[in-house]
Amino acid sequence: MKNIRYAFASVSYHKRISFCIGVCSAFFLFLLTSLLNLKDLETSLYDQVSDLINNSEYHSNYQKIMQLYSTLYLVFILLWAMLITLLVFISLNIKKQDMMKWRIMGFSNRFIVKQSILESIIPITVGIITTGVVLIVCQHTYEFILLQVRPLLAKGLGIKRVAFFSSNVLIESTPNQVMNSTGETHFLSLRISSLPIATIFKAFSKNCLLLLSITTGVTFASTYFLSRNSKKVFRT
C-alpha cells in the first residue's frame, strides 16, 4: 500500500512525463489493436471466398497482406520498446533526487524498483482504460476506419487488389437489377462490414499485456541499474 500511495503521489506531481507515457501508450495500443483487427478482417474474407476462388494471384495477395500486417506489428512493437525506454530514462532522471531521498531514508533497492514500475504502469493503465472506452463507445466508427484503411494501406504499399469475382459469382444483397445466370452460378454472402466486440477486445487484451510486459521489463532493468549506481555514489 505504501508503494501505491507514493506512486500515485509521484504521478500526480510529475504530470508532464506521466501524461506523455499515458498518451503514447494509448496511441500505440490503438495502432497495434487495429493491425490485429485488420488481420481478422482479411482472414474473415479469405475464409468465406477461398474455396470458391480459383485465382492464384488473390491467394498470393492474401499471403502478402498478412505478412505486411505482421511486419508492421513487429515494427510498432520495436518502436514502442524504444520509446518507452526513452521515456523511462527521462522519468528516472527527473526523479533522481527522489531516489536519493529514498536511499537516505533507508528504503531498499527492491522498494525503489517496485516504486518505479508502479509509476510507469499507472499512466499506461489510464491509457488502456481510455482506449478501451473509446473502442466500446465508438465501435462502429472504429470498424468504418478499418474498412477504409484496409484498401488504402494495401495500395500504398504496392499490393494490387485482385478482382476475384467472375461472371458466375453473384453477391447476395445486390440492388435489384436484371442478371443472367447459368446453372453453375454461385450465390455468396460476404460478412466483412463489422467485427464482433469479442474479436476487437481479444486483440485489445493481447496488446495490453504486451505493452505492460515490455514496460515492466524496461522499467525494472533501467531502475535497477540506476538505483545501484546511486547507491554506490551515496556510499562514496
C-alpha atoms as a PDB file:
ATOM      1  CA  MET A   1       0.000   0.000   0.000  1.00  0.00           C
ATOM      2  CA  LYS A   2       2.881   2.349   0.740  1.00  0.00           C
ATOM      3  CA  ASN A   3       4.242   1.830  -2.787  1.00  0.00           C
ATOM      4  CA  ILE A   4       0.846   2.513  -4.363  1.00  0.00           C
ATOM      5  CA  ARG A   5       0.284   5.663  -2.304  1.00  0.00           C
ATOM      6  CA  TYR A   6       3.741   7.033  -3.157  1.00  0.00           C
ATOM      7  CA  ALA A   7       3.300   6.064  -6.821  1.00  0.00           C
ATOM      8  CA  PHE A   8       0.035   7.989  -7.202  1.00  0.00           C
ATOM      9  CA  ALA A   9       1.575  10.985  -5.462  1.00  0.00           C
ATOM     10  CA  SER A  10       4.608  10.889  -7.774  1.00  0.00           C
ATOM     11  CA  VAL A  11       2.479  10.509 -10.917  1.00  0.00           C
ATOM     12  CA  SER A  12       0.359  13.446  -9.814  1.00  0.00           C
ATOM     13  CA  TYR A  13       3.459  15.558  -9.103  1.00  0.00           C
ATOM     14  CA  HIS A  14       5.323  14.687 -12.322  1.00  0.00           C
ATOM     15  CA  LYS A  15       2.322  15.327 -14.551  1.00  0.00           C
ATOM     16  CA  ARG A  16       4.101  16.031 -17.836  1.00  0.00           C
ATOM     17  CA  ILE A  17       6.110  12.833 -18.111  1.00  0.00           C
ATOM     18  CA  SER A  18       3.162  10.794 -16.800  1.00  0.00           C
ATOM     19  CA  PHE A  19       0.884  12.388 -19.391  1.00  0.00           C
ATOM     20  CA  CYS A  20       3.384  11.596 -22.177  1.00  0.00           C
ATOM     21  CA  ILE A  21       3.595   7.946 -21.119  1.00  0.00           C
ATOM     22  CA  GLY A  22      -0.206   7.666 -20.951  1.00  0.00           C
ATOM     23  CA  VAL A  23      -0.820   9.296 -24.346  1.00  0.00           C
ATOM     24  CA  CYS A  24       1.907   7.262 -26.092  1.00  0.00           C
ATOM     25  CA  SER A  25       0.592   4.017 -24.605  1.00  0.00           C
ATOM     26  CA  ALA A  26      -2.965   4.791 -25.788  1.00  0.00           C
ATOM     27  CA  PHE A  27      -1.698   5.657 -29.283  1.00  0.00           C
ATOM     28  CA  PHE A  28       0.383   2.501 -29.681  1.00  0.00           C
ATOM     29  CA  LEU A  29      -2.338   0.354 -28.156  1.00  0.00           C
ATOM     30  CA  PHE A  30      -4.795   1.662 -30.743  1.00  0.00           C
ATOM     31  CA  LEU A  31      -2.345   1.055 -33.604  1.00  0.00           C
ATOM     32  CA  LEU A  32      -1.456  -2.473 -32.515  1.00  0.00           C
ATOM     33  CA  THR A  33      -5.087  -3.411 -31.934  1.00  0.00           C
ATOM     34  CA  SER A  34      -6.019  -2.006 -35.344  1.00  0.00           C
ATOM     35  CA  LEU A  35      -3.366  -4.122 -37.060  1.00  0.00           C
ATOM     36  CA  LEU A  36      -4.584  -7.305 -35.405  1.00  0.00           C
ATOM     37  CA  ASN A  37      -8.187  -6.470 -36.300  1.00  0.00           C
ATOM     38  CA  LEU A  38      -7.175  -5.775 -39.900  1.00  0.00           C
ATOM     39  CA  LYS A  39      -5.741  -9.283 -39.959  1.00  0.00           C
ATOM     40  CA  ASP A  40      -9.053 -10.536 -38.568  1.00  0.00           C
ATOM     41  CA  LEU A  41     -10.935  -8.796 -41.410  1.00  0.00           C
ATOM     42  CA  GLU A  42      -8.642 -10.275 -44.044  1.00  0.00           C
ATOM     43  CA  THR A  43      -8.941 -13.736 -42.527  1.00  0.00           C
ATOM     44  CA  SER A  44     -12.730 -13.449 -42.333  1.00  0.00           C
ATOM     45  CA  LEU A  45     -12.985 -12.518 -46.004  1.00  0.00           C
ATOM     46  CA  TYR A  46     -10.488 -15.165 -47.083  1.00  0.00           C
ATOM     47  CA  ASP A  47     -12.263 -17.922 -45.175  1.00  0.00           C
ATOM     48  CA  GLN A  48     -15.518 -17.041 -46.921  1.00  0.00           C
ATOM     49  CA  VAL A  49     -14.248 -16.905 -50.507  1.00  0.00           C
ATOM     50  CA  SER A  50     -11.084 -19.026 -50.657  1.00  0.00           C
ATOM     51  CA  ASP A  51     -12.942 -22.243 -51.535  1.00  0.00           C
ATOM     52  CA  LEU A  52     -14.857 -20.555 -54.367  1.00  0.00           C
ATOM     53  CA  ILE A  53     -11.983 -18.708 -55.990  1.00  0.00           C
ATOM     54  CA  ASN A  54      -9.543 -20.284 -58.394  1.00  0.00           C
ATOM     55  CA  ASN A  55      -7.246 -17.291 -58.626  1.00  0.00           C
ATOM     56  CA  SER A  56      -3.636 -17.790 -57.609  1.00  0.00           C
ATOM     57  CA  GLU A  57      -2.975 -14.040 -57.613  1.00  0.00           C
ATOM     58  CA  TYR A  58      -5.666 -13.488 -54.987  1.00  0.00           C
ATOM     59  CA  HIS A  59      -4.242 -16.204 -52.740  1.00  0.00           C
ATOM     60  CA  SER A  60      -0.758 -14.745 -53.219  1.00  0.00           C
ATOM     61  CA  ASN A  61      -2.008 -11.270 -52.333  1.00  0.00           C
ATOM     62  CA  TYR A  62      -3.637 -12.619 -49.198  1.00  0.00           C
ATOM     63  CA  GLN A  63      -0.294 -14.011 -48.056  1.00  0.00           C
ATOM     64  CA  LYS A  64       1.425 -10.717 -48.876  1.00  0.00           C
ATOM     65  CA  ILE A  65      -1.060  -8.562 -46.985  1.00  0.00           C
ATOM     66  CA  MET A  66      -0.963 -10.844 -43.930  1.00  0.00           C
ATOM     67  CA  GLN A  67       2.835 -10.725 -43.982  1.00  0.00           C
ATOM     68  CA  LEU A  68       2.634  -6.954 -44.261  1.00  0.00           C
ATOM     69  CA  TYR A  69       0.413  -6.684 -41.183  1.00  0.00           C
ATOM     70  CA  SER A  70       2.731  -8.991 -39.213  1.00  0.00           C
ATOM     71  CA  THR A  71       5.776  -6.936 -40.220  1.00  0.00           C
ATOM     72  CA  LEU A  72       4.110  -3.650 -39.288  1.00  0.00           C
ATOM     73  CA  TYR A  73       3.022  -5.168 -35.986  1.00  0.00           C
ATOM     74  CA  LEU A  74       6.606  -6.144 -35.112  1.00  0.00           C
ATOM     75  CA  VAL A  75       7.876  -2.713 -36.198  1.00  0.00           C
ATOM     76  CA  PHE A  76       5.401  -0.930 -33.922  1.00  0.00           C
ATOM     77  CA  ILE A  77       6.340  -3.208 -31.015  1.00  0.00           C
ATOM     78  CA  LEU A  78      10.020  -2.328 -31.506  1.00  0.00           C
ATOM     79  CA  LEU A  79       9.134   1.357 -31.742  1.00  0.00           C
ATOM     80  CA  TRP A  80       7.156   1.098 -28.510  1.00  0.00           C
ATOM     81  CA  ALA A  81      10.078  -0.638 -26.774  1.00  0.00           C
ATOM     82  CA  MET A  82      12.462   2.137 -27.865  1.00  0.00           C
ATOM     83  CA  LEU A  83      10.021   4.909 -26.987  1.00  0.00           C
ATOM     84  CA  ILE A  84       9.163   3.574 -23.538  1.00  0.00           C
ATOM     85  CA  THR A  85      12.874   3.051 -22.822  1.00  0.00           C
ATOM     86  CA  LEU A  86      13.489   6.708 -23.658  1.00  0.00           C
ATOM     87  CA  LEU A  87      10.520   7.884 -21.582  1.00  0.00           C
ATOM     88  CA  VAL A  88      11.531   5.727 -18.610  1.00  0.00           C
ATOM     89  CA  PHE A  89      15.089   7.096 -18.665  1.00  0.00           C
ATOM     90  CA  ILE A  90      13.762  10.658 -18.842  1.00  0.00           C
ATOM     91  CA  SER A  91      11.386   9.893 -15.984  1.00  0.00           C
ATOM     92  CA  LEU A  92      14.132   8.375 -13.845  1.00  0.00           C
ATOM     93  CA  ASN A  93      16.431  11.338 -14.460  1.00  0.00           C
ATOM     94  CA  ILE A  94      13.651  13.692 -13.412  1.00  0.00           C
ATOM     95  CA  LYS A  95      13.069  11.612 -10.272  1.00  0.00           C
ATOM     96  CA  LYS A  96      16.753  11.099  -9.456  1.00  0.00           C
ATOM     97  CA  GLN A  97      16.504  13.291  -6.384  1.00  0.00           C
ATOM     98  CA  ASP A  98      13.553  11.233  -5.160  1.00  0.00           C
ATOM     99  CA  MET A  99      15.625   8.076  -5.491  1.00  0.00           C
ATOM    100  CA  MET A 100      18.432   9.653  -3.455  1.00  0.00           C
ATOM    101  CA  LYS A 101      15.932  10.641  -0.761  1.00  0.00           C
ATOM    102  CA  TRP A 102      14.615   7.082  -0.606  1.00  0.00           C
ATOM    103  CA  ARG A 103      18.184   5.860  -0.191  1.00  0.00           C
ATOM    104  CA  ILE A 104      18.779   8.314   2.648  1.00  0.00           C
ATOM    105  CA  MET A 105      15.532   7.212   4.301  1.00  0.00           C
ATOM    106  CA  GLY A 106      16.774   3.616   4.204  1.00  0.00           C
ATOM    107  CA  PHE A 107      14.447   2.172   1.565  1.00  0.00           C
ATOM    108  CA  SER A 108      15.780  -0.939  -0.160  1.00  0.00           C
ATOM    109  CA  ASN A 109      16.663  -1.292  -3.816  1.00  0.00           C
ATOM    110  CA  ARG A 110      13.670  -3.620  -4.173  1.00  0.00           C
ATOM    111  CA  PHE A 111      11.333  -0.884  -2.900  1.00  0.00           C
ATOM    112  CA  ILE A 112      12.742   1.645  -5.389  1.00  0.00           C
ATOM    113  CA  VAL A 113      12.399  -0.743  -8.329  1.00  0.00           C
ATOM    114  CA  LYS A 114       8.828  -1.609  -7.370  1.00  0.00           C
ATOM    115  CA  GLN A 115       8.043   2.077  -6.975  1.00  0.00           C
ATOM    116  CA  SER A 116       9.345   2.941 -10.451  1.00  0.00           C
ATOM    117  CA  ILE A 117       7.398   0.092 -12.052  1.00  0.00           C
ATOM    118  CA  LEU A 118       4.176   1.285 -10.426  1.00  0.00           C
ATOM    119  CA  GLU A 119       4.833   4.867 -11.542  1.00  0.00           C
ATOM    120  CA  SER A 120       5.210   3.647 -15.142  1.00  0.00           C
ATOM    121  CA  ILE A 121       2.231   1.293 -15.072  1.00  0.00           C
ATOM    122  CA  ILE A 122      -0.265   3.786 -13.616  1.00  0.00           C
ATOM    123  CA  PRO A 123      -0.289   6.205 -16.621  1.00  0.00           C
ATOM    124  CA  ILE A 124      -0.262   3.234 -19.010  1.00  0.00           C
ATOM    125  CA  THR A 125      -3.290   1.810 -17.188  1.00  0.00           C
ATOM    126  CA  VAL A 126      -5.058   5.148 -17.678  1.00  0.00           C
ATOM    127  CA  GLY A 127      -4.176   4.955 -21.379  1.00  0.00           C
ATOM    128  CA  ILE A 128      -5.531   1.400 -21.544  1.00  0.00           C
ATOM    129  CA  ILE A 129      -8.810   2.375 -19.883  1.00  0.00           C
ATOM    130  CA  THR A 130      -9.192   5.391 -22.174  1.00  0.00           C
ATOM    131  CA  THR A 131      -8.564   3.311 -25.302  1.00  0.00           C
ATOM    132  CA  GLY A 132     -10.957   0.602 -24.121  1.00  0.00           C
ATOM    133  CA  VAL A 133     -13.741   3.118 -23.516  1.00  0.00           C
ATOM    134  CA  VAL A 134     -13.169   4.700 -26.949  1.00  0.00           C
ATOM    135  CA  LEU A 135     -13.353   1.292 -28.652  1.00  0.00           C
ATOM    136  CA  ILE A 136     -16.628   0.490 -26.886  1.00  0.00           C
ATOM    137  CA  VAL A 137     -18.300   3.865 -27.434  1.00  0.00           C
ATOM    138  CA  CYS A 138     -17.002   4.340 -30.994  1.00  0.00           C
ATOM    139  CA  GLN A 139     -17.083   0.712 -32.144  1.00  0.00           C
ATOM    140  CA  HIS A 140     -18.872   1.410 -35.432  1.00  0.00           C
ATOM    141  CA  THR A 141     -16.593   4.356 -36.220  1.00  0.00           C
ATOM    142  CA  TYR A 142     -13.578   2.161 -35.456  1.00  0.00           C
ATOM    143  CA  GLU A 143     -14.865  -0.550 -37.816  1.00  0.00           C
ATOM    144  CA  PHE A 144     -15.515   2.051 -40.531  1.00  0.00           C
ATOM    145  CA  ILE A 145     -11.960   3.372 -40.190  1.00  0.00           C
ATOM    146  CA  LEU A 146     -10.520  -0.140 -40.544  1.00  0.00           C
ATOM    147  CA  LEU A 147     -12.583  -0.828 -43.660  1.00  0.00           C
ATOM    148  CA  GLN A 148     -11.410   2.461 -45.210  1.00  0.00           C
ATOM    149  CA  VAL A 149      -7.759   1.973 -44.240  1.00  0.00           C
ATOM    150  CA  ARG A 150      -7.603  -1.655 -45.436  1.00  0.00           C
ATOM    151  CA  PRO A 151      -7.531  -0.989 -49.219  1.00  0.00           C
ATOM    152  CA  LEU A 152      -5.534   2.240 -48.857  1.00  0.00           C
ATOM    153  CA  LEU A 153      -2.811   0.505 -46.879  1.00  0.00           C
ATOM    154  CA  ALA A 154      -2.507  -2.307 -49.413  1.00  0.00           C
ATOM    155  CA  LYS A 155      -2.435   0.129 -52.341  1.00  0.00           C
ATOM    156  CA  GLY A 156       0.076   2.425 -50.661  1.00  0.00           C
ATOM    157  CA  LEU A 157       2.488  -0.454 -50.148  1.00  0.00           C
ATOM    158  CA  GLY A 158       2.208  -1.726 -53.691  1.00  0.00           C
ATOM    159  CA  ILE A 159      -0.134  -4.675 -53.220  1.00  0.00           C
ATOM    160  CA  LYS A 160      -2.618  -4.682 -56.092  1.00  0.00           C
ATOM    161  CA  ARG A 161      -6.182  -5.622 -55.388  1.00  0.00           C
ATOM    162  CA  VAL A 162      -7.473  -8.531 -57.443  1.00  0.00           C
ATOM    163  CA  ALA A 163     -10.957  -8.760 -58.968  1.00  0.00           C
ATOM    164  CA  PHE A 164     -11.686 -12.312 -57.909  1.00  0.00           C
ATOM    165  CA  PHE A 165     -15.389 -12.479 -58.818  1.00  0.00           C
ATOM    166  CA  SER A 166     -16.072 -13.978 -62.227  1.00  0.00           C
ATOM    167  CA  SER A 167     -19.290 -13.815 -64.257  1.00  0.00           C
ATOM    168  CA  ASN A 168     -20.739 -16.847 -62.494  1.00  0.00           C
ATOM    169  CA  VAL A 169     -20.433 -15.429 -58.979  1.00  0.00           C
ATOM    170  CA  LEU A 170     -23.172 -13.162 -57.639  1.00  0.00           C
ATOM    171  CA  ILE A 171     -23.065 -11.211 -54.410  1.00  0.00           C
ATOM    172  CA  GLU A 172     -26.092 -11.538 -52.176  1.00  0.00           C
ATOM    173  CA  SER A 173     -27.971  -8.310 -51.393  1.00  0.00           C
ATOM    174  CA  THR A 174     -27.064  -6.770 -54.743  1.00  0.00           C
ATOM    175  CA  PRO A 175     -29.554  -3.986 -55.663  1.00  0.00           C
ATOM    176  CA  ASN A 176     -32.449  -5.159 -57.809  1.00  0.00           C
ATOM    177  CA  GLN A 177     -31.404  -5.461 -61.425  1.00  0.00           C
ATOM    178  CA  VAL A 178     -31.702  -7.946 -64.291  1.00  0.00           C
ATOM    179  CA  MET A 179     -28.982 -10.611 -64.192  1.00  0.00           C
ATOM    180  CA  ASN A 180     -28.251 -13.528 -66.445  1.00  0.00           C
ATOM    181  CA  SER A 181     -27.084 -16.611 -64.597  1.00  0.00           C
ATOM    182  CA  THR A 182     -26.304 -20.175 -65.510  1.00  0.00           C
ATOM    183  CA  GLY A 183     -26.872 -23.404 -63.661  1.00  0.00           C
ATOM    184  CA  GLU A 184     -23.392 -23.115 -62.201  1.00  0.00           C
ATOM    185  CA  THR A 185     -23.949 -19.697 -60.664  1.00  0.00           C
ATOM    186  CA  HIS A 186     -22.814 -19.366 -57.021  1.00  0.00           C
ATOM    187  CA  PHE A 187     -24.500 -17.015 -54.554  1.00  0.00           C
ATOM    188  CA  LEU A 188     -22.096 -15.623 -51.989  1.00  0.00           C
ATOM    189  CA  SER A 189     -22.894 -13.550 -48.906  1.00  0.00           C
ATOM    190  CA  LEU A 190     -19.888 -11.646 -47.534  1.00  0.00           C
ATOM    191  CA  ARG A 191     -19.764 -10.531 -43.906  1.00  0.00           C
ATOM    192  CA  ILE A 192     -16.935  -8.006 -43.695  1.00  0.00           C
ATOM    193  CA  SER A 193     -18.838  -4.927 -42.580  1.00  0.00           C
ATOM    194  CA  SER A 194     -18.340  -5.452 -38.862  1.00  0.00           C
ATOM    195  CA  LEU A 195     -16.163  -7.053 -36.227  1.00  0.00           C
ATOM    196  CA  PRO A 196     -17.589  -8.833 -33.189  1.00  0.00           C
ATOM    197  CA  ILE A 197     -16.813  -6.983 -29.962  1.00  0.00           C
ATOM    198  CA  ALA A 198     -15.160 -10.172 -28.688  1.00  0.00           C
ATOM    199  CA  THR A 199     -12.725 -10.124 -31.624  1.00  0.00           C
ATOM    200  CA  ILE A 200     -11.851  -6.480 -31.017  1.00  0.00           C
ATOM    201  CA  PHE A 201     -11.181  -6.989 -27.333  1.00  0.00           C
ATOM    202  CA  LYS A 202      -9.260 -10.206 -27.858  1.00  0.00           C
ATOM    203  CA  ALA A 203      -6.723  -8.168 -29.828  1.00  0.00           C
ATOM    204  CA  PHE A 204      -7.013  -5.314 -27.338  1.00  0.00           C
ATOM    205  CA  SER A 205      -6.303  -7.583 -24.343  1.00  0.00           C
ATOM    206  CA  LYS A 206      -3.321  -9.192 -26.055  1.00  0.00           C
ATOM    207  CA  ASN A 207      -1.781  -5.794 -26.727  1.00  0.00           C
ATOM    208  CA  CYS A 208      -2.491  -4.557 -23.193  1.00  0.00           C
ATOM    209  CA  LEU A 209      -0.498  -7.452 -21.752  1.00  0.00           C
ATOM    210  CA  LEU A 210       2.244  -6.904 -24.319  1.00  0.00           C
ATOM    211  CA  LEU A 211       2.663  -3.188 -23.564  1.00  0.00           C
ATOM    212  CA  LEU A 212       2.570  -3.766 -19.819  1.00  0.00           C
ATOM    213  CA  SER A 213       5.124  -6.587 -20.048  1.00  0.00           C
ATOM    214  CA  ILE A 214       7.552  -4.540 -22.149  1.00  0.00           C
ATOM    215  CA  THR A 215       7.162  -1.513 -19.888  1.00  0.00           C
ATOM    216  CA  THR A 216       7.664  -3.570 -16.724  1.00  0.00           C
ATOM    217  CA  GLY A 217      10.801  -5.204 -18.131  1.00  0.00           C
ATOM    218  CA  VAL A 218      12.297  -1.925 -19.353  1.00  0.00           C
ATOM    219  CA  THR A 219      11.483  -0.109 -16.097  1.00  0.00           C
ATOM    220  CA  PHE A 220      12.884  -2.937 -13.967  1.00  0.00           C
ATOM    221  CA  ALA A 221      16.185  -3.051 -15.856  1.00  0.00           C
ATOM    222  CA  SER A 222      16.585   0.749 -16.031  1.00  0.00           C
ATOM    223  CA  THR A 223      15.681   1.385 -12.397  1.00  0.00           C
ATOM    224  CA  TYR A 224      17.817  -1.458 -11.081  1.00  0.00           C
ATOM    225  CA  PHE A 225      20.833  -0.140 -12.994  1.00  0.00           C
ATOM    226  CA  LEU A 226      20.360   3.499 -11.937  1.00  0.00           C
ATOM    227  CA  SER A 227      19.476   2.548  -8.372  1.00  0.00           C
ATOM    228  CA  ARG A 228      22.668   0.537  -7.933  1.00  0.00           C
ATOM    229  CA  ASN A 229      24.702   3.406  -9.344  1.00  0.00           C
ATOM    230  CA  SER A 230      23.056   5.890  -6.995  1.00  0.00           C
ATOM    231  CA  LYS A 231      23.773   3.522  -4.132  1.00  0.00           C
ATOM    232  CA  LYS A 232      27.477   3.497  -4.983  1.00  0.00           C
ATOM    233  CA  VAL A 233      27.530   7.285  -5.240  1.00  0.00           C
ATOM    234  CA  PHE A 234      25.731   7.585  -1.925  1.00  0.00           C
ATOM    235  CA  ARG A 235      28.275   5.296  -0.207  1.00  0.00           C
ATOM    236  CA  THR A 236      31.225   7.225  -1.564  1.00  0.00           C
END
